[in-house]
Protein backbone atom coordinates (compact mmCIF):
# COMPACT_ATOMS: atom_id res chain seq x y z
CA MET A 1 73.18 108.65 108.82
CA THR A 2 71.22 109.12 105.80
CA ALA A 3 72.90 111.32 103.24
CA ASN A 4 71.49 113.56 101.20
CA THR A 5 72.73 116.69 98.85
CA GLU A 6 72.66 118.96 101.98
CA THR A 7 74.97 116.66 103.93
CA THR A 8 78.69 118.00 104.11
CA VAL A 9 81.13 115.71 102.36
CA ARG A 10 82.98 115.64 105.73
CA GLN A 11 80.13 114.10 107.47
CA ILE A 12 79.85 111.40 104.70
CA VAL A 13 83.53 110.39 104.81
CA MET A 14 83.21 110.51 108.85
CA GLU A 15 80.32 108.22 108.87
CA ASN A 16 81.48 106.06 105.87
CA PRO A 17 84.92 105.33 105.31
CA HIS A 18 84.47 103.64 101.99
CA ALA A 19 82.65 106.76 100.33
CA THR A 20 86.38 107.90 100.18
CA GLN A 21 86.39 105.52 97.11
CA VAL A 22 83.33 106.96 95.83
CA PHE A 23 84.56 110.79 95.93
CA GLU A 24 87.86 109.43 94.47
CA ALA A 25 86.30 108.10 91.17
CA PHE A 26 84.34 111.16 90.61
CA HIS A 27 87.27 113.77 91.84
CA ILE A 28 85.15 115.12 94.55
CA ASP A 29 87.14 117.10 96.85
CA TYR A 30 86.67 115.44 100.73
CA CYS A 31 89.60 116.66 102.14
CA CYS A 32 90.32 120.68 101.57
CA GLY A 33 86.92 121.04 100.72
CA GLY A 34 85.20 118.70 103.04
CA ASP A 35 83.01 121.59 104.40
CA LYS A 36 80.61 121.87 101.23
CA PRO A 37 77.56 120.20 100.75
CA LEU A 38 77.59 117.22 98.57
CA GLY A 39 75.24 118.76 95.77
CA GLU A 40 77.21 121.71 95.88
CA ALA A 41 80.63 119.37 95.60
CA CYS A 42 78.89 117.40 93.08
CA LYS A 43 78.03 120.27 90.77
CA LYS A 44 81.94 121.58 91.04
CA ALA A 45 83.01 118.11 89.99
CA GLY A 46 80.31 117.79 87.06
CA VAL A 47 78.58 114.85 88.29
CA ASP A 48 75.12 113.75 88.64
CA ALA A 49 74.30 114.14 92.79
CA GLU A 50 71.72 111.31 92.43
CA ILE A 51 74.53 108.90 90.76
CA VAL A 52 76.70 109.60 93.91
CA LEU A 53 74.31 109.01 96.54
CA GLY A 54 73.37 105.82 95.06
CA LEU A 55 76.94 105.12 94.87
CA LEU A 56 77.34 105.89 98.23
CA HIS A 57 74.26 104.42 99.94
CA GLN A 58 75.79 100.89 98.21
CA SER A 59 79.15 101.51 99.73
CA SER A 60 77.73 102.45 102.91
CA GLY A 61 76.76 98.51 103.30
CA GLN A 62 79.86 97.16 102.72
CA GLU A 63 81.30 95.29 105.68
CA ALA A 64 83.52 97.68 107.77
CA GLY A 65 86.74 95.81 107.29
CA SER A 66 86.42 95.37 103.63
CA ALA A 67 88.04 98.80 102.56
CA PRO A 68 91.22 98.42 100.85
CA ALA A 69 94.60 98.69 103.22
CA GLY A 70 95.39 101.95 103.61
CA ALA A 71 92.01 103.62 102.85
CA ALA A 72 91.25 106.65 104.46
CA GLY A 73 88.88 106.14 107.74
CA ASN A 74 90.14 102.28 107.66
CA GLU A 75 90.37 102.46 111.32
CA PRO A 76 88.61 104.12 114.29
CA TRP A 77 90.64 107.30 114.42
CA SER A 78 87.81 109.59 115.77
CA GLN A 79 88.51 107.65 119.15
CA ALA A 80 92.12 106.45 118.89
CA PRO A 81 94.46 108.42 121.12
CA LEU A 82 95.73 111.53 119.22
CA SER A 83 99.11 110.00 119.57
CA GLU A 84 98.55 106.89 117.37
CA LEU A 85 96.73 108.91 114.98
CA THR A 86 100.01 111.14 114.48
CA ARG A 87 102.33 108.39 114.31
CA TYR A 88 100.04 106.64 111.67
CA ILE A 89 100.02 109.61 109.60
CA VAL A 90 104.13 110.05 109.95
CA GLU A 91 104.94 106.57 109.64
CA ARG A 92 102.50 105.73 106.55
CA HIS A 93 101.45 109.26 104.84
CA HIS A 94 104.83 111.24 105.36
CA SER A 95 107.07 108.39 104.37
CA PHE A 96 105.05 107.45 101.30
CA VAL A 97 105.55 111.20 100.24
CA ARG A 98 109.39 110.87 101.08
CA ALA A 99 109.80 107.89 99.06
CA GLU A 100 107.70 108.78 95.83
CA THR A 101 108.69 112.32 95.53
CA PRO A 102 112.28 111.64 94.29
CA ARG A 103 111.15 108.68 92.29
CA LEU A 104 108.55 110.61 90.44
CA GLU A 105 110.83 113.68 89.97
CA ARG A 106 113.52 111.22 88.51
CA MET A 107 110.61 109.85 86.02
CA LEU A 108 109.48 113.35 85.43
CA GLU A 109 112.73 114.02 84.12
CA LYS A 110 113.40 110.94 81.97
CA VAL A 111 109.58 111.16 80.39
CA GLY A 112 109.97 114.84 79.81
CA ASN A 113 113.48 114.57 78.48
CA ARG A 114 112.06 111.73 75.68
CA HIS A 115 108.61 113.51 75.15
CA GLY A 116 108.45 116.98 76.43
CA ALA A 117 109.15 118.54 72.78
CA VAL A 118 105.93 116.96 71.51
CA HIS A 119 104.03 117.16 74.81
CA PRO A 120 105.11 120.47 76.62
CA GLU A 121 103.04 119.88 79.60
CA LEU A 122 104.97 117.86 80.76
CA ILE A 123 107.57 120.17 81.69
CA GLU A 124 105.33 122.43 83.55
CA ILE A 125 103.91 119.26 85.39
CA ALA A 126 107.33 118.63 86.45
CA GLU A 127 107.68 122.36 87.53
CA ILE A 128 104.57 121.64 89.61
CA PHE A 129 105.51 118.69 91.30
CA GLY A 130 109.10 119.95 92.20
CA ALA A 131 107.49 123.17 93.68
CA LEU A 132 104.82 120.60 95.65
CA SER A 133 107.51 118.48 96.80
CA GLU A 134 109.68 121.20 98.14
CA GLU A 135 106.44 122.55 99.84
CA LEU A 136 105.48 119.16 101.10
CA SER A 137 108.84 118.59 102.81
CA ALA A 138 108.94 121.79 104.91
CA HIS A 139 105.18 121.03 105.80
CA MET A 140 105.83 117.93 107.27
CA LEU A 141 108.87 118.98 109.31
CA LYS A 142 106.80 121.47 111.11
CA GLU A 143 104.22 118.84 111.67
CA GLU A 144 106.40 116.14 113.12
CA ARG A 145 108.60 119.13 115.02
CA ILE A 146 106.19 121.34 116.49
CA LEU A 147 102.83 120.68 115.98
CA PHE A 148 102.17 116.94 116.49
CA PRO A 149 104.20 116.73 119.45
CA TYR A 150 102.30 119.93 120.66
CA ILE A 151 99.02 117.78 119.93
CA GLU A 152 100.06 114.79 121.59
CA ALA A 153 100.85 116.50 124.74
CA LEU A 154 97.39 118.22 124.92
CA ASP A 155 95.89 114.51 124.25
CA GLY A 156 97.80 113.53 127.45
CA GLY A 157 96.67 116.25 129.42
CA THR A 158 99.44 118.86 129.38
CA ARG A 159 99.64 122.28 128.31
CA PRO A 160 103.23 122.58 127.27
CA GLN A 161 104.93 125.75 126.48
CA ALA A 162 105.08 126.89 122.80
CA CYS A 163 105.92 129.81 120.64
CA PHE A 164 102.36 130.26 119.48
CA GLY A 165 99.29 131.35 121.34
CA SER A 166 97.19 128.68 120.69
CA VAL A 167 96.92 125.63 118.61
CA MET A 168 94.19 127.23 116.29
CA GLY A 169 97.42 129.38 114.96
CA PRO A 170 99.45 126.51 113.46
CA ILE A 171 96.67 124.50 112.47
CA SER A 172 95.49 127.71 110.30
CA VAL A 173 98.71 127.62 108.59
CA MET A 174 98.57 123.82 107.80
CA VAL A 175 95.36 123.72 106.59
CA ALA A 176 96.17 126.97 104.16
CA GLU A 177 99.05 124.94 103.25
CA HIS A 178 97.03 122.04 102.60
CA GLU A 179 94.74 124.05 100.10
CA ALA A 180 97.81 124.89 98.28
CA ALA A 181 98.63 121.80 97.67
CA GLY A 182 95.61 120.69 96.84
CA ARG A 183 95.49 123.41 94.06
CA LEU A 184 98.80 122.31 92.89
CA LEU A 185 97.50 118.76 92.48
CA ALA A 186 94.52 120.01 90.65
CA ARG A 187 96.88 121.67 88.24
CA MET A 188 98.28 118.47 87.48
CA ARG A 189 95.38 116.69 86.97
CA GLU A 190 94.16 119.33 84.62
CA LEU A 191 97.08 119.60 82.56
CA SER A 192 97.60 115.66 82.22
CA SER A 193 94.15 115.29 81.40
CA GLY A 194 93.20 113.21 84.30
CA PHE A 195 96.56 111.61 84.52
CA ALA A 196 95.63 109.89 81.36
CA PRO A 197 98.78 109.08 79.24
CA PRO A 198 98.38 109.98 75.37
CA GLU A 199 98.43 107.22 72.42
CA ASP A 200 102.23 107.75 71.81
CA SER A 201 103.42 107.23 75.41
CA CYS A 202 105.65 104.55 76.42
CA THR A 203 105.55 102.19 79.16
CA ALA A 204 107.47 104.96 81.43
CA TYR A 205 105.13 107.25 80.38
CA ARG A 206 102.44 105.35 81.61
CA ALA A 207 103.93 104.36 84.68
CA LEU A 208 104.49 108.16 85.54
CA TYR A 209 100.82 109.15 85.06
CA GLN A 210 99.99 105.83 87.27
CA GLY A 211 102.26 106.98 90.13
CA LEU A 212 101.36 110.73 90.13
CA GLU A 213 97.71 109.65 90.24
CA GLU A 214 98.94 107.40 93.26
CA PHE A 215 100.37 110.18 94.78
CA GLU A 216 97.39 112.55 94.53
CA ARG A 217 95.34 109.38 95.80
CA ASP A 218 97.84 108.90 99.33
CA LEU A 219 97.79 112.83 99.39
CA HIS A 220 94.06 113.25 99.62
CA GLN A 221 93.62 110.35 102.37
CA HIS A 222 96.70 112.21 104.47
CA ILE A 223 94.97 115.59 104.29
CA HIS A 224 91.73 114.15 105.16
CA LEU A 225 93.25 112.59 108.39
CA GLU A 226 94.50 115.82 109.17
CA ASN A 227 91.83 118.58 108.20
CA ASN A 228 88.53 116.57 109.08
CA ILE A 229 89.77 114.11 111.97
CA LEU A 230 93.27 115.56 113.87
CA PHE A 231 92.91 119.00 113.95
CA PRO A 232 89.04 119.46 114.88
CA ARG A 233 90.15 116.89 117.66
CA ALA A 234 93.18 118.76 119.06
CA GLU A 235 91.09 121.97 118.80
CA LYS A 236 88.32 120.70 120.96
CA ILE A 237 90.61 119.40 123.31
CA ALA A 238 92.37 122.95 123.54
CA ASN A 239 89.25 124.74 124.05
């Protein structure tokens, strides 16, 4: 596929896994906003679409196995059994969230106590991250205990009993929660000036912002796998 400004961000990522690296660099939403044409997404991000297209063209020429470990699309998830995809999401992304949220919350408290008087944005970032952590905890449990087992059964050829009428119901709830998480991430990025530590920051301050940016990147890949691959495939099977 030759991408242009009318090609949706989702289509580009599905065809070219390396595109996620380009989109992350320019802060172009490829998970919750994947249905937007590239030109519109670039305008929203405030970047030149022709520059992005040029980098996407370069990235499409990279070898399939040369993407960084864990990059979204690094495996053929569009063909793999859905049970493998759900297991990957849980083992890689859910585990990452559960390991990182308490660590980052401790760092936010430490850095906030030391620098919050001069940088009050740290206090709001800590509040936002706390809300995000709580929402993700409940969200992941719903996926692991209800939605993912149902999707796996559908992929296995059965239609199990469920407390919902169609798989599209819980999927729509998960997508809405992804969008809410995306808004919280965007607000933290705005408050932190793109996770750029100020000149008077200490080592812990810089490590905190690096950790928050890595958390954002992982959650983008996490949501991409669900919104753009897992959920559409599950809906297709259900229909």
